[in-house]
């Protein structure tokens, strides 16, 4: 069972370098594909990802109409070859066992077609790379959330 991990990024190579990339490289199960969509053709992002020949890398022009993130994620989805698809934001990290555990979960629960990882989050306010206000921690989605066909 193959996993496709999709990351859309828009001029945030510093987050990609410090958060997403190290966590992707540190996976205990390396049998997955990482698709990085550079929304806006940022040169720093291109130069960061270029040395990693196993990364599927695409660039798109950033839409002035908005929805750039949606367009980038949908492009990643259209080229994904895995039976399982997951998204990783450029400013987030995944645990070293993430790929292995996701694959094992879907292997053991073949009737499930969609799930969302519960995230421990907080909404911070950052301006000019400075933390202005630290938000309250919250869990998303709530533990009792379900979606039914």
N, C-alpha and C. Protein backbone atom coordinates (compact mmCIF):
# COMPACT_ATOMS: atom_id res chain seq x y z
N UNK A 1 0.86 -1.17 0.00
CA UNK A 1 0.00 0.00 0.00
C UNK A 1 0.91 1.23 0.00
N UNK A 2 0.71 2.10 -0.98
CA UNK A 2 1.58 3.28 -1.13
C UNK A 2 0.88 4.54 -0.64
N UNK A 3 1.67 5.42 -0.01
CA UNK A 3 1.17 6.70 0.49
C UNK A 3 1.75 7.82 -0.36
N UNK A 4 0.89 8.75 -0.76
CA UNK A 4 1.32 10.00 -1.40
C UNK A 4 1.14 11.12 -0.39
N UNK A 5 2.21 11.83 -0.11
CA UNK A 5 2.20 12.94 0.84
C UNK A 5 2.35 14.22 0.03
N UNK A 6 1.37 15.12 0.14
CA UNK A 6 1.32 16.33 -0.69
C UNK A 6 1.54 17.57 0.17
N UNK A 7 2.49 18.41 -0.25
CA UNK A 7 2.75 19.68 0.42
C UNK A 7 2.65 20.80 -0.60
N UNK A 8 1.75 21.73 -0.36
CA UNK A 8 1.65 22.95 -1.17
C UNK A 8 2.31 24.07 -0.38
N UNK A 9 3.12 24.87 -1.05
CA UNK A 9 3.83 25.94 -0.36
C UNK A 9 3.83 27.20 -1.21
N UNK A 10 3.72 28.34 -0.56
CA UNK A 10 3.72 29.64 -1.25
C UNK A 10 4.70 30.57 -0.55
N UNK A 11 5.89 30.68 -1.10
CA UNK A 11 6.93 31.59 -0.60
C UNK A 11 7.23 31.40 0.89
N UNK A 12 7.31 30.15 1.30
CA UNK A 12 7.59 29.87 2.71
C UNK A 12 8.67 28.78 2.81
N UNK A 13 9.73 28.95 2.05
CA UNK A 13 10.80 27.95 2.06
C UNK A 13 11.42 27.81 3.44
N UNK A 14 11.42 28.89 4.23
CA UNK A 14 11.99 28.82 5.58
C UNK A 14 11.22 27.84 6.46
N UNK A 15 9.88 27.81 6.32
CA UNK A 15 9.10 26.82 7.07
C UNK A 15 9.33 25.42 6.52
N UNK A 16 9.33 25.31 5.21
CA UNK A 16 9.56 24.02 4.56
C UNK A 16 10.90 23.43 5.02
N UNK A 17 11.94 24.27 5.06
CA UNK A 17 13.28 23.84 5.45
C UNK A 17 13.34 23.43 6.93
N UNK A 18 12.67 24.17 7.79
CA UNK A 18 12.82 23.94 9.23
C UNK A 18 11.81 22.97 9.82
N UNK A 19 10.68 22.76 9.15
CA UNK A 19 9.62 21.93 9.75
C UNK A 19 9.27 20.71 8.89
N UNK A 20 8.69 20.92 7.73
CA UNK A 20 8.18 19.79 6.94
C UNK A 20 9.31 18.90 6.43
N UNK A 21 10.32 19.49 5.80
CA UNK A 21 11.39 18.69 5.19
C UNK A 21 12.10 17.76 6.18
N UNK A 22 12.57 18.25 7.32
CA UNK A 22 13.25 17.33 8.24
C UNK A 22 12.35 16.17 8.70
N UNK A 23 11.08 16.45 8.90
CA UNK A 23 10.18 15.39 9.36
C UNK A 23 9.92 14.36 8.26
N UNK A 24 9.88 14.80 7.02
CA UNK A 24 9.70 13.86 5.90
C UNK A 24 10.95 12.99 5.75
N UNK A 25 12.11 13.60 5.86
CA UNK A 25 13.37 12.85 5.71
C UNK A 25 13.60 11.87 6.86
N UNK A 26 12.93 12.06 7.98
CA UNK A 26 13.14 11.25 9.18
C UNK A 26 12.12 10.13 9.34
N UNK A 27 11.42 9.76 8.28
CA UNK A 27 10.41 8.71 8.38
C UNK A 27 11.03 7.33 8.56
N UNK A 28 10.43 6.52 9.41
CA UNK A 28 10.91 5.15 9.62
C UNK A 28 10.56 4.26 8.43
N UNK A 29 9.49 4.57 7.72
CA UNK A 29 9.08 3.85 6.51
C UNK A 29 9.27 4.81 5.34
N UNK A 30 10.22 4.50 4.47
CA UNK A 30 10.56 5.40 3.36
C UNK A 30 9.83 5.05 2.07
N UNK A 31 8.89 4.11 2.13
CA UNK A 31 8.14 3.72 0.93
C UNK A 31 6.91 4.62 0.78
N UNK A 32 7.13 5.84 0.31
CA UNK A 32 6.06 6.80 0.05
C UNK A 32 6.59 7.80 -0.96
N UNK A 33 5.67 8.56 -1.55
CA UNK A 33 6.11 9.64 -2.44
C UNK A 33 5.74 10.97 -1.81
N UNK A 34 6.65 11.93 -1.95
CA UNK A 34 6.40 13.28 -1.46
C UNK A 34 6.26 14.19 -2.66
N UNK A 35 5.12 14.85 -2.74
CA UNK A 35 4.82 15.76 -3.84
C UNK A 35 4.82 17.17 -3.27
N UNK A 36 5.69 18.03 -3.81
CA UNK A 36 5.77 19.41 -3.37
C UNK A 36 5.32 20.30 -4.51
N UNK A 37 4.30 21.12 -4.25
CA UNK A 37 3.78 22.07 -5.23
C UNK A 37 4.22 23.46 -4.81
N UNK A 38 5.04 24.09 -5.63
CA UNK A 38 5.56 25.44 -5.38
C UNK A 38 4.59 26.43 -6.01
N UNK A 39 3.70 26.95 -5.21
CA UNK A 39 2.66 27.88 -5.66
C UNK A 39 3.25 29.29 -5.70
N UNK A 40 3.67 29.72 -6.89
CA UNK A 40 4.27 31.03 -7.05
C UNK A 40 5.68 30.99 -7.59
N UNK A 41 6.17 29.79 -7.89
CA UNK A 41 7.50 29.62 -8.49
C UNK A 41 8.62 30.29 -7.69
N UNK A 42 8.56 30.13 -6.38
CA UNK A 42 9.56 30.71 -5.49
C UNK A 42 10.92 30.05 -5.71
N UNK A 43 11.94 30.85 -5.99
CA UNK A 43 13.27 30.33 -6.29
C UNK A 43 13.88 29.62 -5.08
N UNK A 44 13.71 30.18 -3.89
CA UNK A 44 14.27 29.56 -2.69
C UNK A 44 13.68 28.17 -2.45
N UNK A 45 12.40 28.01 -2.73
CA UNK A 45 11.76 26.69 -2.59
C UNK A 45 12.33 25.73 -3.61
N UNK A 46 12.46 26.17 -4.85
CA UNK A 46 13.03 25.33 -5.92
C UNK A 46 14.43 24.86 -5.53
N UNK A 47 15.26 25.79 -5.07
CA UNK A 47 16.64 25.44 -4.71
C UNK A 47 16.70 24.51 -3.50
N UNK A 48 15.75 24.62 -2.60
CA UNK A 48 15.70 23.74 -1.44
C UNK A 48 15.35 22.31 -1.84
N UNK A 49 14.39 22.14 -2.73
CA UNK A 49 13.88 20.82 -3.09
C UNK A 49 14.69 20.16 -4.20
N UNK A 50 15.32 20.94 -5.05
CA UNK A 50 16.04 20.42 -6.22
C UNK A 50 17.00 19.26 -5.91
N UNK A 51 17.78 19.31 -4.84
CA UNK A 51 18.72 18.20 -4.58
C UNK A 51 18.05 16.86 -4.27
N UNK A 52 16.80 16.87 -3.90
CA UNK A 52 16.10 15.64 -3.52
C UNK A 52 15.41 15.05 -4.75
N UNK A 53 16.10 14.17 -5.43
CA UNK A 53 15.63 13.63 -6.71
C UNK A 53 14.38 12.76 -6.58
N UNK A 54 14.10 12.26 -5.39
CA UNK A 54 12.91 11.42 -5.22
C UNK A 54 11.64 12.23 -5.01
N UNK A 55 11.77 13.52 -4.77
CA UNK A 55 10.60 14.38 -4.56
C UNK A 55 9.97 14.69 -5.91
N UNK A 56 8.66 14.54 -5.99
CA UNK A 56 7.92 14.96 -7.19
C UNK A 56 7.63 16.44 -7.01
N UNK A 57 8.19 17.26 -7.88
CA UNK A 57 8.16 18.71 -7.70
C UNK A 57 7.48 19.37 -8.89
N UNK A 58 6.54 20.26 -8.60
CA UNK A 58 5.87 21.02 -9.65
C UNK A 58 5.76 22.47 -9.22
N UNK A 59 5.73 23.36 -10.21
CA UNK A 59 5.55 24.79 -9.95
C UNK A 59 4.29 25.26 -10.66
N UNK A 60 3.57 26.17 -10.03
CA UNK A 60 2.43 26.81 -10.67
C UNK A 60 2.50 28.30 -10.39
N UNK A 61 1.86 29.07 -11.25
CA UNK A 61 1.75 30.51 -11.01
C UNK A 61 0.69 30.74 -9.96
N UNK A 62 0.98 31.63 -9.04
CA UNK A 62 0.02 31.93 -7.97
C UNK A 62 -1.13 32.76 -8.53
N UNK A 63 -2.33 32.34 -8.28
CA UNK A 63 -3.52 33.02 -8.78
C UNK A 63 -3.81 34.28 -7.97
N UNK A 64 -4.00 35.38 -8.64
CA UNK A 64 -4.38 36.63 -7.96
C UNK A 64 -5.83 36.58 -7.48
N UNK A 65 -6.61 35.64 -7.98
CA UNK A 65 -8.02 35.52 -7.59
C UNK A 65 -8.18 34.79 -6.27
N UNK A 66 -7.12 34.32 -5.70
CA UNK A 66 -7.23 33.52 -4.49
C UNK A 66 -7.32 32.05 -4.84
N UNK A 67 -7.56 31.22 -3.88
CA UNK A 67 -7.70 29.78 -4.03
C UNK A 67 -6.41 29.09 -4.48
N UNK A 68 -5.26 29.78 -4.36
CA UNK A 68 -3.99 29.18 -4.76
C UNK A 68 -3.71 27.88 -4.04
N UNK A 69 -4.00 27.83 -2.74
CA UNK A 69 -3.76 26.62 -1.97
C UNK A 69 -4.62 25.47 -2.48
N UNK A 70 -5.87 25.74 -2.78
CA UNK A 70 -6.77 24.70 -3.31
C UNK A 70 -6.27 24.18 -4.65
N UNK A 71 -5.88 25.10 -5.52
CA UNK A 71 -5.37 24.72 -6.84
C UNK A 71 -4.11 23.87 -6.69
N UNK A 72 -3.20 24.30 -5.82
CA UNK A 72 -1.95 23.56 -5.62
C UNK A 72 -2.22 22.17 -5.05
N UNK A 73 -3.09 22.07 -4.07
CA UNK A 73 -3.40 20.76 -3.49
C UNK A 73 -4.07 19.85 -4.51
N UNK A 74 -4.97 20.40 -5.32
CA UNK A 74 -5.62 19.59 -6.34
C UNK A 74 -4.64 19.12 -7.41
N UNK A 75 -3.66 19.95 -7.76
CA UNK A 75 -2.62 19.52 -8.69
C UNK A 75 -1.84 18.35 -8.09
N UNK A 76 -1.47 18.48 -6.82
CA UNK A 76 -0.78 17.38 -6.15
C UNK A 76 -1.60 16.10 -6.16
N UNK A 77 -2.88 16.23 -5.89
CA UNK A 77 -3.78 15.07 -5.91
C UNK A 77 -3.85 14.44 -7.30
N UNK A 78 -3.85 15.27 -8.34
CA UNK A 78 -3.97 14.75 -9.71
C UNK A 78 -2.74 13.95 -10.15
N UNK A 79 -1.59 14.20 -9.54
CA UNK A 79 -0.38 13.46 -9.94
C UNK A 79 0.01 12.39 -8.91
N UNK A 80 -0.70 12.31 -7.81
CA UNK A 80 -0.41 11.30 -6.79
C UNK A 80 -0.68 9.91 -7.33
N UNK A 81 0.18 8.97 -6.98
CA UNK A 81 0.01 7.58 -7.42
C UNK A 81 -0.30 6.62 -6.27
N UNK A 82 -0.34 7.12 -5.06
CA UNK A 82 -0.60 6.26 -3.91
C UNK A 82 -2.06 5.92 -3.73
N UNK A 83 -2.31 4.78 -3.10
CA UNK A 83 -3.68 4.40 -2.74
C UNK A 83 -4.16 5.24 -1.56
N UNK A 84 -3.23 5.78 -0.80
CA UNK A 84 -3.54 6.65 0.34
C UNK A 84 -2.94 8.02 0.05
N UNK A 85 -3.69 9.06 0.34
CA UNK A 85 -3.22 10.43 0.14
C UNK A 85 -3.31 11.17 1.46
N UNK A 86 -2.25 11.90 1.77
CA UNK A 86 -2.24 12.72 2.97
C UNK A 86 -1.62 14.07 2.63
N UNK A 87 -1.99 15.08 3.37
CA UNK A 87 -1.46 16.43 3.15
C UNK A 87 -0.61 16.85 4.34
N UNK A 88 0.48 17.56 4.04
CA UNK A 88 1.36 18.09 5.06
C UNK A 88 1.61 19.56 4.74
N UNK A 89 1.19 20.45 5.62
CA UNK A 89 1.46 21.88 5.42
C UNK A 89 2.95 22.14 5.58
N UNK A 90 3.43 23.17 4.88
CA UNK A 90 4.86 23.48 4.92
C UNK A 90 5.35 23.89 6.31
N UNK A 91 4.46 24.38 7.15
CA UNK A 91 4.86 24.82 8.49
C UNK A 91 4.56 23.78 9.57
N UNK A 92 4.24 22.56 9.16
CA UNK A 92 3.97 21.47 10.11
C UNK A 92 5.02 20.38 9.96
N UNK A 93 5.06 19.50 10.93
CA UNK A 93 5.95 18.35 10.91
C UNK A 93 5.14 17.10 11.22
N UNK A 94 5.63 15.97 10.75
CA UNK A 94 5.00 14.69 11.06
C UNK A 94 5.96 13.86 11.90
N UNK A 95 5.40 13.02 12.75
CA UNK A 95 6.20 12.14 13.61
C UNK A 95 6.95 11.13 12.75
N UNK A 96 8.08 10.62 13.23
CA UNK A 96 8.87 9.67 12.44
C UNK A 96 8.11 8.41 12.02
N UNK A 97 7.08 8.01 12.75
CA UNK A 97 6.31 6.81 12.42
C UNK A 97 5.04 7.13 11.63
N UNK A 98 4.86 8.37 11.21
CA UNK A 98 3.62 8.78 10.56
C UNK A 98 3.28 7.90 9.36
N UNK A 99 4.20 7.77 8.41
CA UNK A 99 3.92 6.99 7.20
C UNK A 99 3.62 5.54 7.57
N UNK A 100 4.43 4.94 8.41
CA UNK A 100 4.22 3.54 8.80
C UNK A 100 2.87 3.35 9.48
N UNK A 101 2.51 4.25 10.37
CA UNK A 101 1.25 4.11 11.10
C UNK A 101 0.03 4.35 10.22
N UNK A 102 0.11 5.30 9.31
CA UNK A 102 -1.02 5.55 8.39
C UNK A 102 -1.24 4.33 7.49
N UNK A 103 -0.15 3.80 6.94
CA UNK A 103 -0.27 2.63 6.08
C UNK A 103 -0.83 1.43 6.85
N UNK A 104 -0.34 1.23 8.06
CA UNK A 104 -0.84 0.11 8.88
C UNK A 104 -2.32 0.29 9.22
N UNK A 105 -2.72 1.51 9.54
CA UNK A 105 -4.12 1.78 9.87
C UNK A 105 -5.04 1.41 8.71
N UNK A 106 -4.71 1.88 7.50
CA UNK A 106 -5.58 1.58 6.36
C UNK A 106 -5.50 0.12 5.95
N UNK A 107 -4.38 -0.53 6.17
CA UNK A 107 -4.27 -1.96 5.88
C UNK A 107 -5.18 -2.76 6.83
N UNK A 108 -5.21 -2.37 8.10
CA UNK A 108 -6.02 -3.08 9.10
C UNK A 108 -7.49 -2.68 9.05
N UNK A 109 -7.80 -1.55 8.45
CA UNK A 109 -9.18 -1.03 8.40
C UNK A 109 -9.55 -0.72 6.96
N UNK A 110 -9.57 -1.74 6.13
CA UNK A 110 -9.76 -1.54 4.69
C UNK A 110 -11.13 -0.97 4.33
N UNK A 111 -12.10 -1.05 5.25
CA UNK A 111 -13.42 -0.49 4.98
C UNK A 111 -13.44 1.03 5.09
N UNK A 112 -12.44 1.62 5.72
CA UNK A 112 -12.39 3.08 5.88
C UNK A 112 -11.74 3.70 4.65
N UNK A 113 -12.40 4.72 4.12
CA UNK A 113 -11.89 5.38 2.91
C UNK A 113 -11.34 6.77 3.18
N UNK A 114 -11.64 7.33 4.34
CA UNK A 114 -11.22 8.69 4.63
C UNK A 114 -11.07 8.86 6.13
N UNK A 115 -10.04 9.55 6.55
CA UNK A 115 -9.90 9.87 7.96
C UNK A 115 -9.08 11.15 8.09
N UNK A 116 -9.11 11.73 9.26
CA UNK A 116 -8.33 12.93 9.53
C UNK A 116 -7.58 12.72 10.83
N UNK A 117 -6.32 13.04 10.80
CA UNK A 117 -5.50 12.95 12.00
C UNK A 117 -5.94 14.02 12.98
N UNK A 118 -6.05 13.65 14.24
CA UNK A 118 -6.40 14.64 15.25
C UNK A 118 -5.15 15.48 15.53
N UNK A 119 -5.31 16.78 15.46
CA UNK A 119 -4.19 17.70 15.62
C UNK A 119 -4.29 18.46 16.93
N UNK A 120 -3.18 18.57 17.61
CA UNK A 120 -3.09 19.44 18.78
C UNK A 120 -2.55 20.76 18.26
N UNK A 121 -3.38 21.80 18.29
CA UNK A 121 -3.05 23.04 17.60
C UNK A 121 -3.16 24.24 18.53
N UNK A 122 -2.68 25.35 18.00
CA UNK A 122 -2.87 26.65 18.64
C UNK A 122 -2.74 27.69 17.53
N UNK A 123 -3.54 28.73 17.60
CA UNK A 123 -3.50 29.81 16.61
C UNK A 123 -2.68 30.96 17.17
N UNK A 124 -1.46 31.08 16.69
CA UNK A 124 -0.60 32.18 17.10
C UNK A 124 -0.71 33.31 16.09
N UNK A 125 -0.47 34.52 16.53
CA UNK A 125 -0.43 35.67 15.63
C UNK A 125 1.04 36.05 15.46
N UNK A 126 1.50 35.99 14.21
CA UNK A 126 2.89 36.29 13.90
C UNK A 126 2.94 37.40 12.87
N UNK A 127 3.76 38.42 13.13
CA UNK A 127 3.98 39.51 12.19
C UNK A 127 5.47 39.73 12.05
N UNK A 128 5.94 39.81 10.81
CA UNK A 128 7.36 40.01 10.54
C UNK A 128 8.23 39.00 11.29
N UNK A 129 7.80 37.74 11.24
CA UNK A 129 8.50 36.64 11.89
C UNK A 129 8.60 36.78 13.41
N UNK A 130 7.78 37.61 14.02
CA UNK A 130 7.77 37.80 15.47
C UNK A 130 6.42 37.33 16.04
N UNK A 131 6.46 36.57 17.11
CA UNK A 131 5.24 36.13 17.78
C UNK A 131 4.62 37.31 18.51
N UNK A 132 3.42 37.72 18.08
CA UNK A 132 2.71 38.84 18.68
C UNK A 132 1.80 38.36 19.80
N UNK A 133 1.10 37.25 19.55
CA UNK A 133 0.17 36.72 20.55
C UNK A 133 0.15 35.20 20.42
N UNK A 134 0.26 34.52 21.56
CA UNK A 134 0.19 33.08 21.57
C UNK A 134 -1.25 32.66 21.83
N UNK A 135 -1.79 31.84 20.91
CA UNK A 135 -3.17 31.40 21.03
C UNK A 135 -3.34 30.28 22.04
N UNK A 136 -4.59 30.00 22.36
CA UNK A 136 -4.90 28.91 23.28
C UNK A 136 -4.82 27.57 22.54
N UNK A 137 -4.32 26.53 23.18
CA UNK A 137 -4.28 25.21 22.54
C UNK A 137 -5.69 24.66 22.33
N UNK A 138 -5.87 23.93 21.22
CA UNK A 138 -7.14 23.24 20.98
C UNK A 138 -6.87 22.00 20.16
N UNK A 139 -7.82 21.07 20.16
CA UNK A 139 -7.70 19.83 19.40
C UNK A 139 -8.70 19.88 18.26
N UNK A 140 -8.21 19.56 17.05
CA UNK A 140 -9.04 19.60 15.85
C UNK A 140 -8.83 18.31 15.06
N UNK A 141 -9.88 17.63 14.61
CA UNK A 141 -11.28 17.81 15.01
C UNK A 141 -11.50 17.24 16.41
N UNK A 142 -12.66 17.54 16.95
CA UNK A 142 -13.02 17.04 18.27
C UNK A 142 -13.05 15.52 18.26
N UNK A 143 -12.81 14.91 19.39
CA UNK A 143 -12.70 13.45 19.49
C UNK A 143 -13.96 12.72 19.05
N UNK A 144 -15.12 13.34 19.17
CA UNK A 144 -16.37 12.66 18.83
C UNK A 144 -16.88 13.00 17.43
N UNK A 145 -16.00 13.51 16.56
CA UNK A 145 -16.40 13.88 15.19
C UNK A 145 -16.39 12.66 14.29
N UNK A 146 -17.42 12.53 13.46
CA UNK A 146 -17.45 11.46 12.45
C UNK A 146 -18.10 12.00 11.20
N UNK A 147 -17.77 11.36 10.09
CA UNK A 147 -18.41 11.65 8.81
C UNK A 147 -18.95 10.33 8.30
N UNK A 148 -20.19 10.32 7.87
CA UNK A 148 -20.79 9.08 7.37
C UNK A 148 -21.13 9.24 5.90
N UNK A 149 -21.03 8.11 5.18
CA UNK A 149 -21.42 8.11 3.75
C UNK A 149 -22.91 8.31 3.62
